[in-house]
Amino acid sequence: MADGSTFRQPSPLALGGAGFSHQLHSSPESLPITEILLRAFDLGLRTIDTSPYYEPSEQLIGAALSSSAVQARYTRRDLTIM
């Protein structure tokens, strides 16, 4: 790519962000999102599919990805976020 980054092919399976939304959960903020992401990553998932429509999943996933628990084991380059 022109900016020097490389394209990462999405994994065949993706973790959907809708599960962390008000549409599917009355209190998505109470979900153990960091632990869910770590388990998904440990199982080989590297693609997260989310959308602003899944409010507040993008904010919750972003906070979890910024946590020291996730950053100690995975880098942003390890992931594809769609």
N, C-alpha and C. Protein backbone atom coordinates (compact mmCIF):
# COMPACT_ATOMS: atom_id res chain seq x y z
N MET A 1 0.83 -1.18 0.00
CA MET A 1 0.00 0.00 0.00
C MET A 1 0.88 1.24 0.00
N ALA A 2 0.35 2.33 -0.44
CA ALA A 2 1.12 3.55 -0.62
C ALA A 2 1.68 4.10 0.68
N ASP A 3 0.97 3.90 1.78
CA ASP A 3 1.43 4.46 3.05
C ASP A 3 2.42 3.55 3.78
N GLY A 4 2.79 2.44 3.17
CA GLY A 4 3.76 1.53 3.77
C GLY A 4 3.12 0.43 4.60
N SER A 5 1.82 0.51 4.85
CA SER A 5 1.17 -0.54 5.62
C SER A 5 0.91 -1.74 4.72
N THR A 6 0.63 -2.85 5.31
CA THR A 6 0.34 -4.05 4.54
C THR A 6 -1.11 -4.43 4.73
N PHE A 7 -1.67 -5.04 3.72
CA PHE A 7 -3.06 -5.50 3.78
C PHE A 7 -3.10 -6.81 4.53
N ARG A 8 -3.99 -6.91 5.48
CA ARG A 8 -4.17 -8.15 6.23
C ARG A 8 -5.49 -8.76 5.77
N GLN A 9 -5.41 -9.97 5.26
CA GLN A 9 -6.60 -10.69 4.84
C GLN A 9 -7.46 -10.99 6.07
N PRO A 10 -8.76 -10.64 6.03
CA PRO A 10 -9.62 -10.96 7.18
C PRO A 10 -9.65 -12.47 7.43
N SER A 11 -9.75 -12.84 8.69
CA SER A 11 -9.86 -14.26 9.02
C SER A 11 -11.21 -14.77 8.52
N PRO A 12 -11.32 -16.08 8.25
CA PRO A 12 -12.56 -16.63 7.73
C PRO A 12 -13.75 -16.42 8.67
N LEU A 13 -13.48 -16.31 9.94
CA LEU A 13 -14.51 -16.07 10.94
C LEU A 13 -14.25 -14.71 11.57
N ALA A 14 -15.31 -13.97 11.84
CA ALA A 14 -15.16 -12.65 12.47
C ALA A 14 -15.99 -12.59 13.73
N LEU A 15 -15.51 -11.81 14.68
CA LEU A 15 -16.27 -11.53 15.89
C LEU A 15 -17.17 -10.34 15.58
N GLY A 16 -18.47 -10.51 15.70
CA GLY A 16 -19.42 -9.45 15.41
C GLY A 16 -19.61 -8.51 16.59
N GLY A 17 -19.64 -7.22 16.30
CA GLY A 17 -19.82 -6.22 17.34
C GLY A 17 -21.24 -6.04 17.82
N ALA A 18 -22.20 -6.59 17.10
CA ALA A 18 -23.61 -6.42 17.48
C ALA A 18 -23.89 -6.98 18.88
N GLY A 19 -23.16 -7.98 19.28
CA GLY A 19 -23.36 -8.56 20.61
C GLY A 19 -23.04 -7.61 21.74
N PHE A 20 -22.34 -6.53 21.42
CA PHE A 20 -21.97 -5.52 22.42
C PHE A 20 -22.80 -4.26 22.23
N SER A 21 -24.03 -4.42 21.73
CA SER A 21 -24.88 -3.27 21.43
C SER A 21 -26.14 -3.27 22.28
N HIS A 22 -26.78 -2.12 22.31
CA HIS A 22 -28.07 -2.01 23.01
C HIS A 22 -29.16 -2.78 22.28
N GLN A 23 -28.98 -3.05 21.00
CA GLN A 23 -29.97 -3.81 20.25
C GLN A 23 -30.09 -5.24 20.76
N LEU A 24 -28.98 -5.81 21.22
CA LEU A 24 -28.98 -7.21 21.64
C LEU A 24 -28.75 -7.40 23.13
N HIS A 25 -28.38 -6.35 23.84
CA HIS A 25 -28.10 -6.49 25.28
C HIS A 25 -28.54 -5.21 25.97
N SER A 26 -29.31 -5.37 27.05
CA SER A 26 -29.82 -4.18 27.73
C SER A 26 -28.72 -3.36 28.39
N SER A 27 -27.61 -3.98 28.73
CA SER A 27 -26.51 -3.26 29.37
C SER A 27 -25.17 -3.78 28.84
N PRO A 28 -24.83 -3.43 27.59
CA PRO A 28 -23.59 -3.97 27.03
C PRO A 28 -22.34 -3.54 27.80
N GLU A 29 -22.43 -2.43 28.51
CA GLU A 29 -21.27 -1.97 29.30
C GLU A 29 -20.91 -2.96 30.40
N SER A 30 -21.86 -3.81 30.79
CA SER A 30 -21.60 -4.77 31.87
C SER A 30 -20.95 -6.06 31.38
N LEU A 31 -20.83 -6.22 30.07
CA LEU A 31 -20.23 -7.44 29.52
C LEU A 31 -18.72 -7.45 29.72
N PRO A 32 -18.13 -8.63 29.93
CA PRO A 32 -16.66 -8.73 30.08
C PRO A 32 -15.97 -8.70 28.71
N ILE A 33 -16.01 -7.56 28.06
CA ILE A 33 -15.58 -7.46 26.66
C ILE A 33 -14.10 -7.77 26.50
N THR A 34 -13.27 -7.30 27.40
CA THR A 34 -11.84 -7.59 27.29
C THR A 34 -11.61 -9.09 27.33
N GLU A 35 -12.26 -9.78 28.23
CA GLU A 35 -12.10 -11.23 28.34
C GLU A 35 -12.66 -11.95 27.11
N ILE A 36 -13.78 -11.45 26.59
CA ILE A 36 -14.36 -12.04 25.38
C ILE A 36 -13.40 -11.89 24.20
N LEU A 37 -12.84 -10.69 24.04
CA LEU A 37 -11.89 -10.47 22.94
C LEU A 37 -10.66 -11.34 23.09
N LEU A 38 -10.11 -11.42 24.29
CA LEU A 38 -8.92 -12.24 24.50
C LEU A 38 -9.20 -13.71 24.18
N ARG A 39 -10.35 -14.20 24.59
CA ARG A 39 -10.69 -15.60 24.30
C ARG A 39 -10.83 -15.80 22.78
N ALA A 40 -11.49 -14.87 22.11
CA ALA A 40 -11.64 -14.96 20.65
C ALA A 40 -10.27 -14.94 19.97
N PHE A 41 -9.39 -14.05 20.40
CA PHE A 41 -8.06 -13.96 19.81
C PHE A 41 -7.27 -15.23 20.09
N ASP A 42 -7.38 -15.76 21.31
CA ASP A 42 -6.68 -17.00 21.66
C ASP A 42 -7.14 -18.17 20.79
N LEU A 43 -8.41 -18.13 20.36
CA LEU A 43 -8.95 -19.18 19.50
C LEU A 43 -8.63 -18.96 18.02
N GLY A 44 -7.94 -17.86 17.71
CA GLY A 44 -7.50 -17.62 16.35
C GLY A 44 -8.28 -16.56 15.58
N LEU A 45 -9.35 -16.03 16.14
CA LEU A 45 -10.07 -14.95 15.46
C LEU A 45 -9.19 -13.72 15.44
N ARG A 46 -9.14 -13.06 14.31
CA ARG A 46 -8.34 -11.84 14.19
C ARG A 46 -9.12 -10.73 13.51
N THR A 47 -10.40 -10.96 13.21
CA THR A 47 -11.22 -9.97 12.54
C THR A 47 -12.40 -9.60 13.42
N ILE A 48 -12.62 -8.28 13.57
CA ILE A 48 -13.77 -7.77 14.31
C ILE A 48 -14.62 -6.97 13.34
N ASP A 49 -15.89 -7.31 13.28
CA ASP A 49 -16.83 -6.62 12.40
C ASP A 49 -17.77 -5.80 13.28
N THR A 50 -17.72 -4.49 13.13
CA THR A 50 -18.58 -3.64 13.94
C THR A 50 -19.08 -2.47 13.10
N SER A 51 -19.96 -1.69 13.69
CA SER A 51 -20.59 -0.59 12.96
C SER A 51 -21.09 0.44 13.96
N PRO A 52 -21.14 1.71 13.56
CA PRO A 52 -21.72 2.71 14.46
C PRO A 52 -23.18 2.38 14.83
N TYR A 53 -23.85 1.62 13.98
CA TYR A 53 -25.23 1.21 14.27
C TYR A 53 -25.31 0.36 15.54
N TYR A 54 -24.24 -0.35 15.86
CA TYR A 54 -24.20 -1.22 17.04
C TYR A 54 -23.77 -0.44 18.28
N GLU A 55 -24.33 0.71 18.48
CA GLU A 55 -23.98 1.57 19.61
C GLU A 55 -24.15 0.81 20.92
N PRO A 56 -23.23 0.82 21.81
CA PRO A 56 -21.93 1.48 21.87
C PRO A 56 -20.76 0.52 21.60
N SER A 57 -20.97 -0.47 20.75
CA SER A 57 -19.94 -1.51 20.56
C SER A 57 -18.58 -0.95 20.15
N GLU A 58 -18.55 0.05 19.26
CA GLU A 58 -17.26 0.57 18.83
C GLU A 58 -16.47 1.16 19.99
N GLN A 59 -17.16 1.89 20.86
CA GLN A 59 -16.48 2.49 22.01
C GLN A 59 -16.02 1.40 22.99
N LEU A 60 -16.87 0.41 23.22
CA LEU A 60 -16.53 -0.66 24.17
C LEU A 60 -15.40 -1.53 23.64
N ILE A 61 -15.45 -1.86 22.36
CA ILE A 61 -14.38 -2.65 21.77
C ILE A 61 -13.08 -1.85 21.76
N GLY A 62 -13.16 -0.56 21.44
CA GLY A 62 -11.97 0.29 21.46
C GLY A 62 -11.32 0.35 22.83
N ALA A 63 -12.15 0.48 23.86
CA ALA A 63 -11.62 0.51 25.23
C ALA A 63 -10.96 -0.83 25.58
N ALA A 64 -11.60 -1.91 25.18
CA ALA A 64 -11.02 -3.23 25.47
C ALA A 64 -9.70 -3.43 24.73
N LEU A 65 -9.65 -3.01 23.46
CA LEU A 65 -8.41 -3.15 22.69
C LEU A 65 -7.29 -2.29 23.26
N SER A 66 -7.65 -1.22 23.93
CA SER A 66 -6.65 -0.33 24.54
C SER A 66 -6.19 -0.82 25.91
N SER A 67 -6.85 -1.83 26.43
CA SER A 67 -6.49 -2.31 27.77
C SER A 67 -5.10 -2.94 27.77
N SER A 68 -4.46 -2.89 28.91
CA SER A 68 -3.12 -3.47 29.02
C SER A 68 -3.16 -4.98 28.83
N ALA A 69 -4.26 -5.62 29.22
CA ALA A 69 -4.37 -7.07 29.06
C ALA A 69 -4.32 -7.48 27.59
N VAL A 70 -4.99 -6.73 26.73
CA VAL A 70 -4.97 -7.03 25.30
C VAL A 70 -3.65 -6.59 24.69
N GLN A 71 -3.20 -5.39 25.00
CA GLN A 71 -1.98 -4.86 24.38
C GLN A 71 -0.74 -5.65 24.76
N ALA A 72 -0.77 -6.33 25.89
CA ALA A 72 0.38 -7.15 26.29
C ALA A 72 0.52 -8.39 25.41
N ARG A 73 -0.57 -8.79 24.75
CA ARG A 73 -0.55 -10.03 23.98
C ARG A 73 -0.76 -9.85 22.48
N TYR A 74 -1.43 -8.77 22.09
CA TYR A 74 -1.75 -8.57 20.67
C TYR A 74 -1.53 -7.12 20.30
N THR A 75 -1.07 -6.91 19.07
CA THR A 75 -0.89 -5.54 18.57
C THR A 75 -1.99 -5.24 17.56
N ARG A 76 -2.15 -3.99 17.24
CA ARG A 76 -3.15 -3.58 16.25
C ARG A 76 -2.89 -4.24 14.90
N ARG A 77 -1.63 -4.46 14.60
CA ARG A 77 -1.26 -5.10 13.33
C ARG A 77 -1.72 -6.54 13.25
N ASP A 78 -2.02 -7.15 14.40
CA ASP A 78 -2.50 -8.54 14.43
C ASP A 78 -3.96 -8.64 14.01
N LEU A 79 -4.66 -7.52 13.96
CA LEU A 79 -6.12 -7.53 13.82
C LEU A 79 -6.60 -6.84 12.56
N THR A 80 -7.77 -7.26 12.12
CA THR A 80 -8.50 -6.56 11.06
C THR A 80 -9.81 -6.11 11.69
N ILE A 81 -10.10 -4.83 11.60
CA ILE A 81 -11.36 -4.30 12.11
C ILE A 81 -12.13 -3.73 10.93
N MET A 82 -13.33 -4.24 10.76
CA MET A 82 -14.14 -3.83 9.61
C MET A 82 -15.35 -3.07 10.09
